[in-house]
Amino acid sequence: MDDTKSNDKEATALDLKQIKQIVALMAENDLTYFNFETQGSKVELRRGSDFQAAKELLKNLPMASAAAPMALAAPVAAAPVPVAGAAPAASAPAASEPAGPTINSPMVGTFYRSAAPGEKPFANIGDSVDENSNVCIIEAMKVMNEIKAEMRGTIARILVEDGKPVQYGQPLFELKV
């Protein structure tokens, strides 16, 4: 009887050849997820990156300013500018809409002004930036993404508090050109 139990277990478990066939079928049929469970065995396969899954999820979320998500050269008047906490010694200007062009968030995530806690910020008020200047980091799904200014100007205001969540298209910095 022990032989039949081990044969049953071997019959239900997938071998490497079968797994390769499943992966090939997933690729042929553009499937991104496969799950198989049986008597103590479990196989779970995912194709693509977590970035793709997040991208699909974001397609289904309502967008506040979907009309102009990346309008870098013009001010974003339709997008609300969240002010998390009072800005030191400048609470009145922080509540107003950006007057100049803005650097907007290209993704949903957490905004960080520096590479690590206690380190020098990438950009401060009064700093000159150009298309290749790193201005901040946005953490999305445990990946740190360096954000470039993508335009020339001088940082006039920082519109987001360090460590706070940001939305796609949300203004991060206001520039003077």
Protein backbone atom coordinates (compact mmCIF):
# COMPACT_ATOMS: atom_id res chain seq x y z
CA MET A 1 0.00 0.00 0.00
CA ASP A 2 2.88 2.35 0.61
CA ASP A 3 3.82 2.06 -3.08
CA THR A 4 0.38 3.18 -4.23
CA LYS A 5 0.45 6.19 -1.91
CA SER A 6 3.85 7.27 -3.20
CA ASN A 7 2.73 6.64 -6.80
CA ASP A 8 -0.38 8.76 -6.22
CA LYS A 9 1.73 11.55 -4.80
CA GLU A 10 4.12 11.35 -7.75
CA ALA A 11 1.17 11.35 -10.14
CA THR A 12 -0.28 14.54 -8.65
CA ALA A 13 3.00 16.46 -8.30
CA LEU A 14 4.21 18.38 -11.34
CA ASP A 15 7.65 17.67 -12.70
CA LEU A 16 9.96 20.23 -14.32
CA LYS A 17 8.89 19.21 -17.84
CA GLN A 18 5.23 19.84 -17.01
CA ILE A 19 6.03 23.18 -15.41
CA LYS A 20 7.95 24.23 -18.53
CA GLN A 21 4.92 23.26 -20.64
CA ILE A 22 2.65 25.35 -18.43
CA VAL A 23 5.01 28.33 -18.72
CA ALA A 24 5.01 27.94 -22.52
CA LEU A 25 1.19 27.82 -22.56
CA MET A 26 1.06 30.93 -20.35
CA ALA A 27 3.30 32.77 -22.82
CA GLU A 28 1.29 31.60 -25.86
CA ASN A 29 -2.02 32.67 -24.31
CA ASP A 30 -0.71 35.85 -22.65
CA LEU A 31 -1.59 34.61 -19.15
CA THR A 32 0.13 36.25 -16.19
CA TYR A 33 -0.92 33.95 -13.34
CA PHE A 34 -1.26 30.18 -12.81
CA ASN A 35 -2.09 28.42 -9.54
CA PHE A 36 -2.29 24.63 -8.98
CA GLU A 37 -2.85 22.94 -5.61
CA THR A 38 -3.28 19.28 -4.78
CA GLN A 39 -2.68 17.03 -1.77
CA GLY A 40 0.18 18.90 -0.17
CA SER A 41 1.66 20.25 -3.41
CA LYS A 42 1.29 23.80 -4.65
CA VAL A 43 2.59 25.49 -7.79
CA GLU A 44 2.10 29.22 -8.31
CA LEU A 45 3.50 30.91 -11.44
CA ARG A 46 3.51 34.61 -12.37
CA ARG A 47 4.70 36.14 -15.63
CA GLY A 48 5.75 39.74 -16.06
CA SER A 49 6.74 42.18 -13.36
CA ASP A 50 4.90 43.59 -10.39
CA PHE A 51 5.11 46.90 -12.25
CA GLN A 52 2.80 45.49 -14.94
CA ALA A 53 0.31 44.35 -12.31
CA ALA A 54 0.36 47.79 -10.69
CA LYS A 55 -0.09 49.45 -14.08
CA GLU A 56 -3.21 47.35 -14.72
CA LEU A 57 -4.53 48.21 -11.27
CA LEU A 58 -3.95 51.93 -11.83
CA LYS A 59 -5.92 51.82 -15.10
CA ASN A 60 -9.02 50.94 -13.08
CA LEU A 61 -8.63 53.63 -10.41
CA PRO A 62 -10.46 56.95 -10.84
CA MET A 63 -8.13 59.81 -11.76
CA ALA A 64 -8.70 63.36 -10.49
CA SER A 65 -6.94 65.04 -13.41
CA ALA A 66 -6.76 62.47 -16.20
CA ALA A 67 -6.97 65.19 -18.88
CA ALA A 68 -3.46 66.52 -18.28
CA PRO A 69 -1.50 63.97 -16.24
CA MET A 70 1.98 65.05 -17.29
CA ALA A 71 1.64 68.72 -18.28
CA LEU A 72 5.14 69.73 -17.26
CA ALA A 73 5.44 72.95 -19.28
CA ALA A 74 2.15 74.49 -18.12
CA PRO A 75 0.78 74.95 -14.62
CA VAL A 76 -1.67 72.32 -13.51
CA ALA A 77 -4.75 74.27 -12.50
CA ALA A 78 -7.18 71.34 -12.36
CA ALA A 79 -5.10 69.18 -10.00
CA PRO A 80 -5.56 69.93 -6.31
CA VAL A 81 -2.36 70.67 -4.42
CA PRO A 82 -2.47 68.81 -1.11
CA VAL A 83 -0.65 70.56 1.69
CA ALA A 84 0.22 68.01 4.37
CA GLY A 85 0.89 70.04 7.49
CA ALA A 86 1.78 73.71 7.68
CA ALA A 87 4.83 74.87 5.77
CA PRO A 88 7.31 76.68 8.03
CA ALA A 89 6.94 80.49 7.82
CA ALA A 90 5.10 80.30 4.47
CA SER A 91 1.67 78.80 5.12
CA ALA A 92 -0.23 81.36 3.00
CA PRO A 93 1.65 80.76 -0.30
CA ALA A 94 1.64 76.96 0.21
CA ALA A 95 -2.17 76.88 0.12
CA SER A 96 -2.37 78.60 -3.28
CA GLU A 97 -2.16 76.96 -6.68
CA PRO A 98 1.28 76.82 -8.34
CA ALA A 99 2.01 80.01 -10.30
CA GLY A 100 4.82 78.57 -12.43
CA PRO A 101 5.45 75.31 -14.23
CA THR A 102 5.52 72.22 -12.04
CA ILE A 103 7.42 68.96 -11.83
CA ASN A 104 4.73 66.31 -11.47
CA SER A 105 4.80 62.80 -10.07
CA PRO A 106 5.02 60.18 -12.84
CA MET A 107 3.59 57.50 -10.51
CA VAL A 108 1.78 56.71 -7.29
CA GLY A 109 4.11 56.22 -4.34
CA THR A 110 5.88 57.83 -1.39
CA PHE A 111 7.81 61.07 -1.93
CA TYR A 112 11.34 61.39 -0.51
CA ARG A 113 13.52 64.50 -0.88
CA SER A 114 16.80 62.63 -0.19
CA ALA A 115 18.33 59.23 -0.94
CA ALA A 116 18.25 58.21 2.74
CA PRO A 117 17.08 59.70 6.04
CA GLY A 118 19.48 62.38 7.25
CA GLU A 119 21.16 62.83 3.86
CA LYS A 120 21.21 66.07 1.86
CA PRO A 121 18.01 66.64 -0.20
CA PHE A 122 18.30 66.34 -3.99
CA ALA A 123 16.73 69.80 -4.50
CA ASN A 124 16.09 72.80 -2.25
CA ILE A 125 14.26 76.08 -2.81
CA GLY A 126 16.50 78.31 -4.94
CA ASP A 127 18.39 75.43 -6.59
CA SER A 128 18.74 75.53 -10.37
CA VAL A 129 17.68 72.32 -12.12
CA ASP A 130 17.79 71.08 -15.69
CA GLU A 131 16.37 68.14 -17.64
CA ASN A 132 18.81 65.64 -16.07
CA SER A 133 18.72 66.85 -12.44
CA ASN A 134 17.40 64.36 -9.89
CA VAL A 135 14.93 66.23 -7.70
CA CYS A 136 13.48 63.46 -5.50
CA ILE A 137 12.77 59.75 -5.10
CA ILE A 138 9.36 58.14 -5.28
CA GLU A 139 9.10 54.72 -3.69
CA ALA A 140 6.59 52.49 -5.43
CA MET A 141 6.23 48.82 -4.50
CA LYS A 142 9.54 48.84 -2.59
CA VAL A 143 11.42 50.21 -5.62
CA MET A 144 13.15 53.59 -5.30
CA ASN A 145 12.60 55.62 -8.50
CA GLU A 146 14.76 58.71 -9.04
CA ILE A 147 12.67 61.52 -10.52
CA LYS A 148 14.30 63.99 -12.91
CA ALA A 149 13.22 67.62 -13.36
CA GLU A 150 12.76 67.17 -17.16
CA MET A 151 12.93 70.98 -17.62
CA ARG A 152 15.14 73.93 -16.75
CA GLY A 153 14.32 76.32 -13.95
CA THR A 154 14.79 77.25 -10.32
CA ILE A 155 12.92 75.50 -7.52
CA ALA A 156 10.39 78.07 -6.23
CA ARG A 157 8.38 75.84 -3.89
CA ILE A 158 8.34 72.25 -2.68
CA LEU A 159 4.68 71.22 -2.76
CA VAL A 160 4.87 67.86 -0.95
CA GLU A 161 6.14 67.02 2.51
CA ASP A 162 8.95 64.44 2.78
CA GLY A 163 7.69 60.91 3.39
CA LYS A 164 4.12 61.61 2.28
CA PRO A 165 2.16 59.66 -0.37
CA VAL A 166 1.73 61.20 -3.84
CA GLN A 167 -0.61 60.47 -6.72
CA TYR A 168 0.07 60.17 -10.44
CA GLY A 169 0.28 63.65 -11.98
CA GLN A 170 0.42 65.44 -8.61
CA PRO A 171 2.67 68.54 -8.63
CA LEU A 172 5.80 68.01 -6.52
CA PHE A 173 7.83 71.17 -7.18
CA GLU A 174 6.98 74.61 -8.56
CA LEU A 175 9.62 76.19 -10.78
CA LYS A 176 10.59 79.71 -11.82
CA VAL A 177 11.77 79.73 -15.42
